[in-house]
Amino acid sequence: MWDAAIEVPVVTVDALVEQYGVPTFAKIDVEGFEDEVLAGLSHPLPALSFEFTTIARAVAARCLDRLTALGFDGFDVALGDDKSMTFHRWVSAGEMAAYLVGLPHEANSGDVYCVSRDG
């Protein structure tokens, strides 16, 4: 049954913001489609996180590109289920991208936290 197709409704982040208002924080964890979710966001939120995996580093790179284009400029990361930040400071998208590329495959996954320091 795992290979059956089902239809599900899809809503953009912008539509959710329009309906419910701007959240203080949003966690995006959609099993490899994080970049597609961020494509539906046209204005920065105060803060958000997105999940990444070492088997899909290109998705994380696209997320960082999109978030930078939206005005996010501070990033930190928590690996696995540990919610401790790695850098303990906000780093640039370039620093974050280099860090994610350099992670060993065994690191598996984590969450990248993002803020706009001007917002």
N, C-alpha and C. Protein backbone atom coordinates (compact mmCIF):
# COMPACT_ATOMS: atom_id res chain seq x y z
N MET A 1 0.81 -1.20 0.00
CA MET A 1 0.00 0.00 0.00
C MET A 1 0.86 1.26 0.00
N TRP A 2 2.14 1.15 0.29
CA TRP A 2 3.00 2.34 0.35
C TRP A 2 3.24 2.95 -1.02
N ASP A 3 2.96 2.22 -2.09
CA ASP A 3 3.19 2.77 -3.42
C ASP A 3 1.92 3.33 -4.06
N ALA A 4 0.83 3.40 -3.30
CA ALA A 4 -0.41 3.95 -3.82
C ALA A 4 -0.32 5.48 -3.88
N ALA A 5 -0.94 6.05 -4.87
CA ALA A 5 -0.98 7.50 -5.01
C ALA A 5 -2.26 8.05 -4.40
N ILE A 6 -2.12 9.15 -3.69
CA ILE A 6 -3.30 9.83 -3.14
C ILE A 6 -3.16 11.32 -3.44
N GLU A 7 -4.28 11.98 -3.55
CA GLU A 7 -4.28 13.42 -3.75
C GLU A 7 -4.43 14.11 -2.40
N VAL A 8 -3.62 15.14 -2.20
CA VAL A 8 -3.71 15.91 -0.97
C VAL A 8 -3.78 17.39 -1.33
N PRO A 9 -4.49 18.17 -0.55
CA PRO A 9 -4.54 19.61 -0.84
C PRO A 9 -3.18 20.24 -0.52
N VAL A 10 -2.81 21.24 -1.30
CA VAL A 10 -1.56 21.95 -1.11
C VAL A 10 -1.85 23.43 -0.95
N VAL A 11 -1.16 24.04 0.00
CA VAL A 11 -1.33 25.46 0.28
C VAL A 11 0.05 26.08 0.40
N THR A 12 0.24 27.29 -0.11
CA THR A 12 1.53 27.95 0.01
C THR A 12 1.67 28.60 1.39
N VAL A 13 2.91 28.86 1.76
CA VAL A 13 3.16 29.57 3.02
C VAL A 13 2.52 30.96 2.94
N ASP A 14 2.63 31.62 1.80
CA ASP A 14 2.01 32.93 1.65
C ASP A 14 0.51 32.88 1.92
N ALA A 15 -0.17 31.83 1.42
CA ALA A 15 -1.61 31.70 1.65
C ALA A 15 -1.91 31.50 3.14
N LEU A 16 -1.08 30.74 3.82
CA LEU A 16 -1.26 30.54 5.26
C LEU A 16 -1.05 31.85 6.03
N VAL A 17 -0.04 32.61 5.63
CA VAL A 17 0.21 33.91 6.26
C VAL A 17 -0.97 34.85 6.03
N GLU A 18 -1.50 34.83 4.82
CA GLU A 18 -2.66 35.68 4.51
C GLU A 18 -3.86 35.30 5.36
N GLN A 19 -4.06 34.02 5.57
CA GLN A 19 -5.23 33.56 6.32
C GLN A 19 -5.05 33.71 7.83
N TYR A 20 -3.85 33.41 8.36
CA TYR A 20 -3.67 33.33 9.81
C TYR A 20 -2.74 34.41 10.38
N GLY A 21 -2.06 35.16 9.54
CA GLY A 21 -1.11 36.16 10.01
C GLY A 21 0.31 35.62 10.01
N VAL A 22 1.25 36.52 10.25
CA VAL A 22 2.67 36.16 10.21
C VAL A 22 3.06 35.43 11.50
N PRO A 23 3.58 34.22 11.39
CA PRO A 23 4.01 33.51 12.59
C PRO A 23 5.33 34.07 13.10
N THR A 24 5.59 33.90 14.37
CA THR A 24 6.87 34.30 14.92
C THR A 24 7.96 33.34 14.47
N PHE A 25 7.59 32.08 14.33
CA PHE A 25 8.54 31.04 13.93
C PHE A 25 7.80 29.97 13.14
N ALA A 26 8.45 29.43 12.11
CA ALA A 26 7.89 28.32 11.35
C ALA A 26 8.94 27.23 11.19
N LYS A 27 8.53 25.99 11.40
CA LYS A 27 9.41 24.84 11.19
C LYS A 27 8.96 24.13 9.93
N ILE A 28 9.87 24.00 8.98
CA ILE A 28 9.55 23.36 7.71
C ILE A 28 10.25 22.00 7.68
N ASP A 29 9.46 20.95 7.71
CA ASP A 29 9.97 19.58 7.73
C ASP A 29 9.04 18.75 6.86
N VAL A 30 9.34 18.67 5.58
CA VAL A 30 8.45 18.03 4.62
C VAL A 30 9.18 17.00 3.76
N GLU A 31 10.11 16.31 4.39
CA GLU A 31 10.76 15.14 3.80
C GLU A 31 11.32 15.37 2.40
N GLY A 32 12.19 16.37 2.26
CA GLY A 32 12.87 16.59 1.00
C GLY A 32 12.24 17.60 0.07
N PHE A 33 11.13 18.19 0.48
CA PHE A 33 10.45 19.20 -0.35
C PHE A 33 10.55 20.59 0.27
N GLU A 34 11.52 20.80 1.17
CA GLU A 34 11.67 22.08 1.86
C GLU A 34 11.88 23.22 0.88
N ASP A 35 12.66 22.99 -0.18
CA ASP A 35 12.89 24.05 -1.16
C ASP A 35 11.60 24.43 -1.89
N GLU A 36 10.74 23.46 -2.12
CA GLU A 36 9.46 23.75 -2.79
C GLU A 36 8.53 24.54 -1.87
N VAL A 37 8.56 24.24 -0.57
CA VAL A 37 7.77 25.03 0.37
C VAL A 37 8.26 26.47 0.38
N LEU A 38 9.57 26.66 0.42
CA LEU A 38 10.12 28.02 0.45
C LEU A 38 9.85 28.78 -0.84
N ALA A 39 9.62 28.07 -1.94
CA ALA A 39 9.25 28.74 -3.18
C ALA A 39 7.90 29.42 -3.05
N GLY A 40 7.07 28.97 -2.11
CA GLY A 40 5.77 29.56 -1.86
C GLY A 40 5.78 30.63 -0.79
N LEU A 41 6.96 31.16 -0.51
CA LEU A 41 7.11 32.23 0.48
C LEU A 41 7.73 33.42 -0.22
N SER A 42 7.05 34.57 -0.19
CA SER A 42 7.56 35.74 -0.91
C SER A 42 8.07 36.84 0.01
N HIS A 43 7.87 36.71 1.33
CA HIS A 43 8.36 37.70 2.29
C HIS A 43 8.98 36.95 3.46
N PRO A 44 10.05 37.48 4.03
CA PRO A 44 10.67 36.77 5.15
C PRO A 44 9.77 36.75 6.38
N LEU A 45 9.88 35.67 7.13
CA LEU A 45 9.24 35.56 8.44
C LEU A 45 10.27 35.99 9.48
N PRO A 46 9.86 36.26 10.70
CA PRO A 46 10.86 36.63 11.72
C PRO A 46 11.94 35.56 11.91
N ALA A 47 11.54 34.30 11.88
CA ALA A 47 12.50 33.20 12.04
C ALA A 47 11.86 31.92 11.52
N LEU A 48 12.69 31.01 11.04
CA LEU A 48 12.20 29.70 10.62
C LEU A 48 13.33 28.70 10.68
N SER A 49 12.96 27.43 10.58
CA SER A 49 13.94 26.37 10.43
C SER A 49 13.49 25.45 9.32
N PHE A 50 14.47 24.80 8.70
CA PHE A 50 14.14 23.77 7.71
C PHE A 50 15.02 22.57 7.96
N GLU A 51 14.44 21.39 7.72
CA GLU A 51 15.19 20.16 7.89
C GLU A 51 16.07 19.93 6.67
N PHE A 52 17.26 19.34 6.88
CA PHE A 52 18.11 18.93 5.79
C PHE A 52 18.56 17.49 6.05
N THR A 53 18.96 16.83 4.98
CA THR A 53 19.57 15.50 5.11
C THR A 53 20.85 15.47 4.28
N THR A 54 21.78 14.64 4.71
CA THR A 54 23.05 14.54 3.97
C THR A 54 22.87 13.79 2.65
N ILE A 55 21.76 13.10 2.46
CA ILE A 55 21.52 12.44 1.18
C ILE A 55 20.86 13.37 0.17
N ALA A 56 20.47 14.58 0.62
CA ALA A 56 19.83 15.55 -0.28
C ALA A 56 20.39 16.95 0.01
N ARG A 57 21.70 17.07 -0.03
CA ARG A 57 22.34 18.36 0.28
C ARG A 57 21.95 19.46 -0.72
N ALA A 58 21.64 19.07 -1.95
CA ALA A 58 21.24 20.06 -2.96
C ALA A 58 19.95 20.77 -2.56
N VAL A 59 19.05 20.07 -1.88
CA VAL A 59 17.81 20.70 -1.40
C VAL A 59 18.16 21.79 -0.39
N ALA A 60 19.07 21.50 0.52
CA ALA A 60 19.49 22.49 1.52
C ALA A 60 20.15 23.68 0.84
N ALA A 61 20.95 23.44 -0.18
CA ALA A 61 21.60 24.55 -0.90
C ALA A 61 20.55 25.45 -1.56
N ARG A 62 19.53 24.84 -2.15
CA ARG A 62 18.46 25.64 -2.77
C ARG A 62 17.69 26.42 -1.70
N CYS A 63 17.49 25.81 -0.53
CA CYS A 63 16.82 26.51 0.57
C CYS A 63 17.63 27.74 0.99
N LEU A 64 18.93 27.57 1.16
CA LEU A 64 19.78 28.69 1.55
C LEU A 64 19.75 29.80 0.50
N ASP A 65 19.78 29.43 -0.77
CA ASP A 65 19.70 30.43 -1.84
C ASP A 65 18.39 31.21 -1.76
N ARG A 66 17.28 30.49 -1.58
CA ARG A 66 15.97 31.13 -1.53
C ARG A 66 15.86 32.04 -0.31
N LEU A 67 16.32 31.56 0.83
CA LEU A 67 16.24 32.35 2.06
C LEU A 67 17.11 33.60 1.97
N THR A 68 18.26 33.49 1.36
CA THR A 68 19.12 34.66 1.16
C THR A 68 18.42 35.68 0.27
N ALA A 69 17.78 35.20 -0.78
CA ALA A 69 17.05 36.10 -1.69
C ALA A 69 15.90 36.81 -0.96
N LEU A 70 15.33 36.14 0.04
CA LEU A 70 14.23 36.74 0.82
C LEU A 70 14.72 37.70 1.89
N GLY A 71 16.03 37.73 2.15
CA GLY A 71 16.56 38.65 3.15
C GLY A 71 17.05 38.02 4.44
N PHE A 72 17.00 36.70 4.53
CA PHE A 72 17.57 36.04 5.70
C PHE A 72 19.08 36.13 5.63
N ASP A 73 19.72 36.42 6.75
CA ASP A 73 21.17 36.56 6.72
C ASP A 73 21.88 35.96 7.93
N GLY A 74 21.16 35.28 8.79
CA GLY A 74 21.76 34.62 9.94
C GLY A 74 21.32 33.17 9.99
N PHE A 75 22.28 32.26 10.14
CA PHE A 75 21.99 30.83 10.09
C PHE A 75 22.77 30.09 11.18
N ASP A 76 22.15 29.09 11.79
CA ASP A 76 22.82 28.17 12.69
C ASP A 76 22.18 26.81 12.46
N VAL A 77 22.76 25.76 13.01
CA VAL A 77 22.27 24.42 12.71
C VAL A 77 22.34 23.55 13.96
N ALA A 78 21.35 22.67 14.09
CA ALA A 78 21.33 21.64 15.12
C ALA A 78 21.30 20.30 14.39
N LEU A 79 22.22 19.42 14.75
CA LEU A 79 22.33 18.13 14.07
C LEU A 79 21.47 17.07 14.74
N GLY A 80 20.90 16.19 13.91
CA GLY A 80 20.11 15.08 14.41
C GLY A 80 18.97 15.53 15.29
N ASP A 81 18.73 14.79 16.35
CA ASP A 81 17.67 15.14 17.29
C ASP A 81 18.16 16.05 18.41
N ASP A 82 19.44 16.37 18.40
CA ASP A 82 20.03 17.28 19.39
C ASP A 82 19.63 18.70 19.01
N LYS A 83 19.02 19.40 19.89
CA LYS A 83 18.57 20.76 19.58
C LYS A 83 19.60 21.82 19.97
N SER A 84 20.83 21.40 20.24
CA SER A 84 21.91 22.35 20.56
C SER A 84 22.43 22.95 19.26
N MET A 85 22.60 24.25 19.26
CA MET A 85 23.14 24.91 18.08
C MET A 85 24.62 24.59 17.94
N THR A 86 25.07 24.52 16.71
CA THR A 86 26.45 24.16 16.41
C THR A 86 27.39 25.35 16.55
N PHE A 87 27.02 26.49 15.99
CA PHE A 87 27.91 27.65 15.96
C PHE A 87 27.74 28.56 17.18
N HIS A 88 26.58 28.56 17.77
CA HIS A 88 26.25 29.46 18.89
C HIS A 88 26.37 30.93 18.50
N ARG A 89 26.20 31.18 17.22
CA ARG A 89 26.18 32.54 16.67
C ARG A 89 25.58 32.42 15.27
N TRP A 90 25.13 33.54 14.74
CA TRP A 90 24.59 33.51 13.39
C TRP A 90 25.73 33.58 12.39
N VAL A 91 25.72 32.68 11.40
CA VAL A 91 26.73 32.68 10.35
C VAL A 91 26.05 33.00 9.03
N SER A 92 26.85 33.30 8.02
CA SER A 92 26.31 33.62 6.70
C SER A 92 25.81 32.36 5.99
N ALA A 93 25.04 32.57 4.94
CA ALA A 93 24.56 31.45 4.13
C ALA A 93 25.74 30.69 3.52
N GLY A 94 26.76 31.41 3.10
CA GLY A 94 27.94 30.76 2.53
C GLY A 94 28.65 29.87 3.54
N GLU A 95 28.79 30.35 4.77
CA GLU A 95 29.40 29.54 5.82
C GLU A 95 28.55 28.30 6.11
N MET A 96 27.24 28.50 6.14
CA MET A 96 26.35 27.37 6.40
C MET A 96 26.43 26.35 5.27
N ALA A 97 26.42 26.82 4.04
CA ALA A 97 26.49 25.92 2.89
C ALA A 97 27.78 25.10 2.94
N ALA A 98 28.89 25.74 3.23
CA ALA A 98 30.17 25.04 3.31
C ALA A 98 30.15 24.00 4.43
N TYR A 99 29.56 24.36 5.56
CA TYR A 99 29.47 23.43 6.68
C TYR A 99 28.65 22.20 6.30
N LEU A 100 27.49 22.40 5.66
CA LEU A 100 26.63 21.28 5.28
C LEU A 100 27.31 20.38 4.26
N VAL A 101 28.03 20.97 3.31
CA VAL A 101 28.75 20.18 2.31
C VAL A 101 29.83 19.32 2.97
N GLY A 102 30.47 19.86 4.01
CA GLY A 102 31.55 19.16 4.67
C GLY A 102 31.13 18.12 5.70
N LEU A 103 29.86 18.04 6.01
CA LEU A 103 29.40 17.06 6.99
C LEU A 103 29.60 15.64 6.48
N PRO A 104 30.00 14.72 7.35
CA PRO A 104 30.06 13.32 6.92
C PRO A 104 28.65 12.79 6.67
N HIS A 105 28.55 11.84 5.80
CA HIS A 105 27.25 11.24 5.47
C HIS A 105 26.54 10.75 6.74
N GLU A 106 27.30 10.25 7.70
CA GLU A 106 26.74 9.69 8.92
C GLU A 106 26.03 10.73 9.79
N ALA A 107 26.28 12.01 9.55
CA ALA A 107 25.58 13.05 10.30
C ALA A 107 24.08 12.96 10.05
N ASN A 108 23.70 12.49 8.87
CA ASN A 108 22.35 12.16 8.47
C ASN A 108 21.42 13.36 8.28
N SER A 109 21.11 14.11 9.34
CA SER A 109 20.11 15.16 9.19
C SER A 109 20.23 16.18 10.31
N GLY A 110 19.43 17.22 10.17
CA GLY A 110 19.39 18.25 11.20
C GLY A 110 18.44 19.35 10.77
N ASP A 111 18.46 20.43 11.53
CA ASP A 111 17.61 21.58 11.23
C ASP A 111 18.48 22.82 11.14
N VAL A 112 18.30 23.58 10.07
CA VAL A 112 18.97 24.86 9.89
C VAL A 112 18.01 25.95 10.37
N TYR A 113 18.47 26.77 11.29
CA TYR A 113 17.68 27.88 11.84
C TYR A 113 18.09 29.16 11.13
N CYS A 114 17.11 30.00 10.83
CA CYS A 114 17.35 31.16 9.99
C CYS A 114 16.64 32.40 10.53
N VAL A 115 17.34 33.52 10.49
CA VAL A 115 16.75 34.80 10.90
C VAL A 115 17.21 35.89 9.94
N SER A 116 16.47 36.97 9.96
CA SER A 116 16.89 38.19 9.29
C SER A 116 17.30 39.15 10.39
N ARG A 117 18.57 39.45 10.48
CA ARG A 117 19.06 40.30 11.57
C ARG A 117 18.60 41.74 11.43
N ASP A 118 18.14 42.12 10.23
CA ASP A 118 17.60 43.47 10.05
C ASP A 118 16.10 43.52 10.31
N GLY A 119 15.47 42.36 10.39
CA GLY A 119 14.03 42.30 10.55
C GLY A 119 13.68 42.02 11.94
